[in-house]
Amino acid sequence: QLQASGGGLVQAGGSLRLSCAASGRTFSGYAMGWFRQAPGKEREFVSTITWTGAGLYYADSVKGRFTISRDNANNTGYLQMNSLKPEDTALYYCATGAWSSKYYLARSYRYWGQGTEVTVSS
């Protein structure tokens, strides 16, 4: 239902752009979020964007480096990641769901992609 792509291996300081392709049923009207899970760690919130794009929210750890966006006409979301650090290494997931004030919780999202791996070397 959601297909995340764009991950890869990059050196510290580099950039990657993740994409999240969805069907209309799993994208239209929903907020879209990105989460990540590093080996041995819990899944953590990265960023979310409201359906209209008017609301953008980021984890403190990525604020100023990552930019979330969406193309509603093409049911696709994006996460532009700049100034990448080794600690950004993780499996990145996109998810959609009805807007919630607890947007930072994974349980607030109904649909999930399979994840795309990001590795940042030092």
C-alpha atoms as a PDB file:
ATOM      1  CA  GLN A   1       0.000   0.000   0.000  1.00  0.00           C
ATOM      2  CA  LEU A   2       2.953   2.305   0.643  1.00  0.00           C
ATOM      3  CA  GLN A   3       6.278   1.864  -1.108  1.00  0.00           C
ATOM      4  CA  ALA A   4       9.316   3.638   0.302  1.00  0.00           C
ATOM      5  CA  SER A   5      12.409   4.027  -1.844  1.00  0.00           C
ATOM      6  CA  GLY A   6      15.527   6.120  -2.251  1.00  0.00           C
ATOM      7  CA  GLY A   7      17.678   4.745   0.521  1.00  0.00           C
ATOM      8  CA  GLY A   8      21.315   3.868   0.053  1.00  0.00           C
ATOM      9  CA  LEU A   9      24.858   4.287   1.264  1.00  0.00           C
ATOM     10  CA  VAL A  10      26.165   7.835   1.590  1.00  0.00           C
ATOM     11  CA  GLN A  11      29.095   9.513   3.275  1.00  0.00           C
ATOM     12  CA  ALA A  12      28.594  11.810   6.235  1.00  0.00           C
ATOM     13  CA  GLY A  13      27.589  15.239   5.034  1.00  0.00           C
ATOM     14  CA  GLY A  14      25.874  13.853   1.991  1.00  0.00           C
ATOM     15  CA  SER A  15      22.239  13.889   0.944  1.00  0.00           C
ATOM     16  CA  LEU A  16      19.493  11.455   0.046  1.00  0.00           C
ATOM     17  CA  ARG A  17      15.892  11.906  -1.016  1.00  0.00           C
ATOM     18  CA  LEU A  18      13.415   9.288   0.097  1.00  0.00           C
ATOM     19  CA  SER A  19      10.142   8.764  -1.710  1.00  0.00           C
ATOM     20  CA  CYS A  20       6.915   7.184  -0.553  1.00  0.00           C
ATOM     21  CA  ALA A  21       4.555   6.059  -3.309  1.00  0.00           C
ATOM     22  CA  ALA A  22       0.991   5.328  -2.253  1.00  0.00           C
ATOM     23  CA  SER A  23      -2.369   4.486  -3.680  1.00  0.00           C
ATOM     24  CA  GLY A  24      -5.067   7.109  -3.463  1.00  0.00           C
ATOM     25  CA  ARG A  25      -6.877   5.073  -0.834  1.00  0.00           C
ATOM     26  CA  THR A  26      -3.905   5.163   1.515  1.00  0.00           C
ATOM     27  CA  PHE A  27      -2.814   8.730   0.858  1.00  0.00           C
ATOM     28  CA  SER A  28      -5.738  10.998   0.151  1.00  0.00           C
ATOM     29  CA  GLY A  29      -6.829  13.034   3.147  1.00  0.00           C
ATOM     30  CA  TYR A  30      -4.185  11.565   5.434  1.00  0.00           C
ATOM     31  CA  ALA A  31      -1.178  12.954   7.200  1.00  0.00           C
ATOM     32  CA  MET A  32       2.066  11.342   6.108  1.00  0.00           C
ATOM     33  CA  GLY A  33       4.921  10.588   8.430  1.00  0.00           C
ATOM     34  CA  TRP A  34       8.427   9.191   8.355  1.00  0.00           C
ATOM     35  CA  PHE A  35       9.844   7.017  11.095  1.00  0.00           C
ATOM     36  CA  ARG A  36      13.170   5.246  11.408  1.00  0.00           C
ATOM     37  CA  GLN A  37      14.547   2.288  13.273  1.00  0.00           C
ATOM     38  CA  ALA A  38      18.229   1.742  13.865  1.00  0.00           C
ATOM     39  CA  PRO A  39      19.583  -1.714  14.705  1.00  0.00           C
ATOM     40  CA  GLY A  40      18.852  -2.581  18.316  1.00  0.00           C
ATOM     41  CA  LYS A  41      16.729   0.514  18.855  1.00  0.00           C
ATOM     42  CA  GLU A  42      13.061   1.319  18.909  1.00  0.00           C
ATOM     43  CA  ARG A  43      11.281   2.917  15.991  1.00  0.00           C
ATOM     44  CA  GLU A  44      11.383   6.692  16.317  1.00  0.00           C
ATOM     45  CA  PHE A  45       9.526   9.599  14.799  1.00  0.00           C
ATOM     46  CA  VAL A  46      11.347  11.641  12.167  1.00  0.00           C
ATOM     47  CA  SER A  47       8.850  13.971  10.530  1.00  0.00           C
ATOM     48  CA  THR A  48       5.233  14.370   9.518  1.00  0.00           C
ATOM     49  CA  ILE A  49       3.211  16.550   7.172  1.00  0.00           C
ATOM     50  CA  THR A  50      -0.506  17.264   7.192  1.00  0.00           C
ATOM     51  CA  TRP A  51      -2.730  16.510   4.198  1.00  0.00           C
ATOM     52  CA  THR A  52      -2.682  20.136   3.037  1.00  0.00           C
ATOM     53  CA  GLY A  53       1.026  20.506   3.631  1.00  0.00           C
ATOM     54  CA  ALA A  54       0.430  23.447   5.920  1.00  0.00           C
ATOM     55  CA  GLY A  55       1.694  21.627   8.981  1.00  0.00           C
ATOM     56  CA  LEU A  56       5.258  20.314   9.102  1.00  0.00           C
ATOM     57  CA  TYR A  57       6.744  18.682  12.171  1.00  0.00           C
ATOM     58  CA  TYR A  58      10.234  17.361  12.817  1.00  0.00           C
ATOM     59  CA  ALA A  59      12.137  15.507  15.478  1.00  0.00           C
ATOM     60  CA  ASP A  60      14.732  17.738  17.099  1.00  0.00           C
ATOM     61  CA  SER A  61      17.477  15.443  15.843  1.00  0.00           C
ATOM     62  CA  VAL A  62      16.683  16.199  12.198  1.00  0.00           C
ATOM     63  CA  LYS A  63      15.346  19.736  12.367  1.00  0.00           C
ATOM     64  CA  GLY A  64      17.177  22.003   9.956  1.00  0.00           C
ATOM     65  CA  ARG A  65      18.619  19.087   7.996  1.00  0.00           C
ATOM     66  CA  PHE A  66      15.565  17.159   6.759  1.00  0.00           C
ATOM     67  CA  THR A  67      12.615  18.504   4.774  1.00  0.00           C
ATOM     68  CA  ILE A  68       9.331  16.685   4.342  1.00  0.00           C
ATOM     69  CA  SER A  69       7.021  17.352   1.407  1.00  0.00           C
ATOM     70  CA  ARG A  70       4.228  15.735  -0.555  1.00  0.00           C
ATOM     71  CA  ASP A  71       2.681  15.722  -4.033  1.00  0.00           C
ATOM     72  CA  ASN A  72      -0.992  14.976  -3.525  1.00  0.00           C
ATOM     73  CA  ALA A  73      -1.740  14.872  -7.239  1.00  0.00           C
ATOM     74  CA  ASN A  74       0.630  11.921  -7.579  1.00  0.00           C
ATOM     75  CA  ASN A  75       0.060  10.315  -4.169  1.00  0.00           C
ATOM     76  CA  THR A  76       3.735  10.615  -3.307  1.00  0.00           C
ATOM     77  CA  GLY A  77       5.589  11.896  -0.287  1.00  0.00           C
ATOM     78  CA  TYR A  78       9.218  12.829   0.119  1.00  0.00           C
ATOM     79  CA  LEU A  79      11.898  13.246   2.743  1.00  0.00           C
ATOM     80  CA  GLN A  80      14.900  15.282   1.653  1.00  0.00           C
ATOM     81  CA  MET A  81      17.805  14.486   3.952  1.00  0.00           C
ATOM     82  CA  ASN A  82      20.822  16.783   3.944  1.00  0.00           C
ATOM     83  CA  SER A  83      23.954  16.958   6.082  1.00  0.00           C
ATOM     84  CA  LEU A  84      23.550  13.301   6.933  1.00  0.00           C
ATOM     85  CA  LYS A  85      25.297  11.925   9.996  1.00  0.00           C
ATOM     86  CA  PRO A  86      26.274   8.353  10.909  1.00  0.00           C
ATOM     87  CA  GLU A  87      23.581   8.424  13.595  1.00  0.00           C
ATOM     88  CA  ASP A  88      20.975   8.821  10.840  1.00  0.00           C
ATOM     89  CA  THR A  89      21.705   5.239   9.772  1.00  0.00           C
ATOM     90  CA  ALA A  90      18.459   3.287  10.014  1.00  0.00           C
ATOM     91  CA  LEU A  91      15.612   1.657   8.184  1.00  0.00           C
ATOM     92  CA  TYR A  92      13.243   4.455   7.208  1.00  0.00           C
ATOM     93  CA  TYR A  93       9.499   3.883   7.021  1.00  0.00           C
ATOM     94  CA  CYS A  94       6.741   6.042   5.608  1.00  0.00           C
ATOM     95  CA  ALA A  95       3.261   5.885   7.048  1.00  0.00           C
ATOM     96  CA  THR A  96      -0.107   7.552   6.599  1.00  0.00           C
ATOM     97  CA  GLY A  97      -3.077   8.057   8.857  1.00  0.00           C
ATOM     98  CA  ALA A  98      -5.691  10.454  10.067  1.00  0.00           C
ATOM     99  CA  TRP A  99      -4.221  13.549  11.647  1.00  0.00           C
ATOM    100  CA  SER A 100      -3.494  13.231  15.358  1.00  0.00           C
ATOM    101  CA  SER A 101      -1.976  15.567  17.898  1.00  0.00           C
ATOM    102  CA  LYS A 102       0.143  12.558  18.838  1.00  0.00           C
ATOM    103  CA  TYR A 103       1.691  12.494  15.369  1.00  0.00           C
ATOM    104  CA  TYR A 104       4.998  11.398  16.896  1.00  0.00           C
ATOM    105  CA  LEU A 105       3.569   8.017  17.875  1.00  0.00           C
ATOM    106  CA  ALA A 106       3.676   5.103  15.456  1.00  0.00           C
ATOM    107  CA  ARG A 107       0.223   3.967  16.558  1.00  0.00           C
ATOM    108  CA  SER A 108      -1.230   7.192  15.132  1.00  0.00           C
ATOM    109  CA  TYR A 109      -0.642   5.862  11.599  1.00  0.00           C
ATOM    110  CA  ARG A 110      -2.775   3.264   9.848  1.00  0.00           C
ATOM    111  CA  TYR A 111      -0.782   2.369   6.732  1.00  0.00           C
ATOM    112  CA  TRP A 112       2.913   1.537   6.575  1.00  0.00           C
ATOM    113  CA  GLY A 113       5.492   0.958   3.888  1.00  0.00           C
ATOM    114  CA  GLN A 114       8.132  -1.748   4.003  1.00  0.00           C
ATOM    115  CA  GLY A 115      11.058   0.557   4.751  1.00  0.00           C
ATOM    116  CA  THR A 116      14.129   1.696   2.857  1.00  0.00           C
ATOM    117  CA  GLU A 117      17.601   1.395   4.310  1.00  0.00           C
ATOM    118  CA  VAL A 118      19.834   4.405   4.828  1.00  0.00           C
ATOM    119  CA  THR A 119      23.482   3.929   5.769  1.00  0.00           C
ATOM    120  CA  VAL A 120      25.716   6.901   6.497  1.00  0.00           C
ATOM    121  CA  SER A 121      29.419   6.213   6.694  1.00  0.00           C
ATOM    122  CA  SER A 122      31.831   8.363   8.698  1.00  0.00           C
END
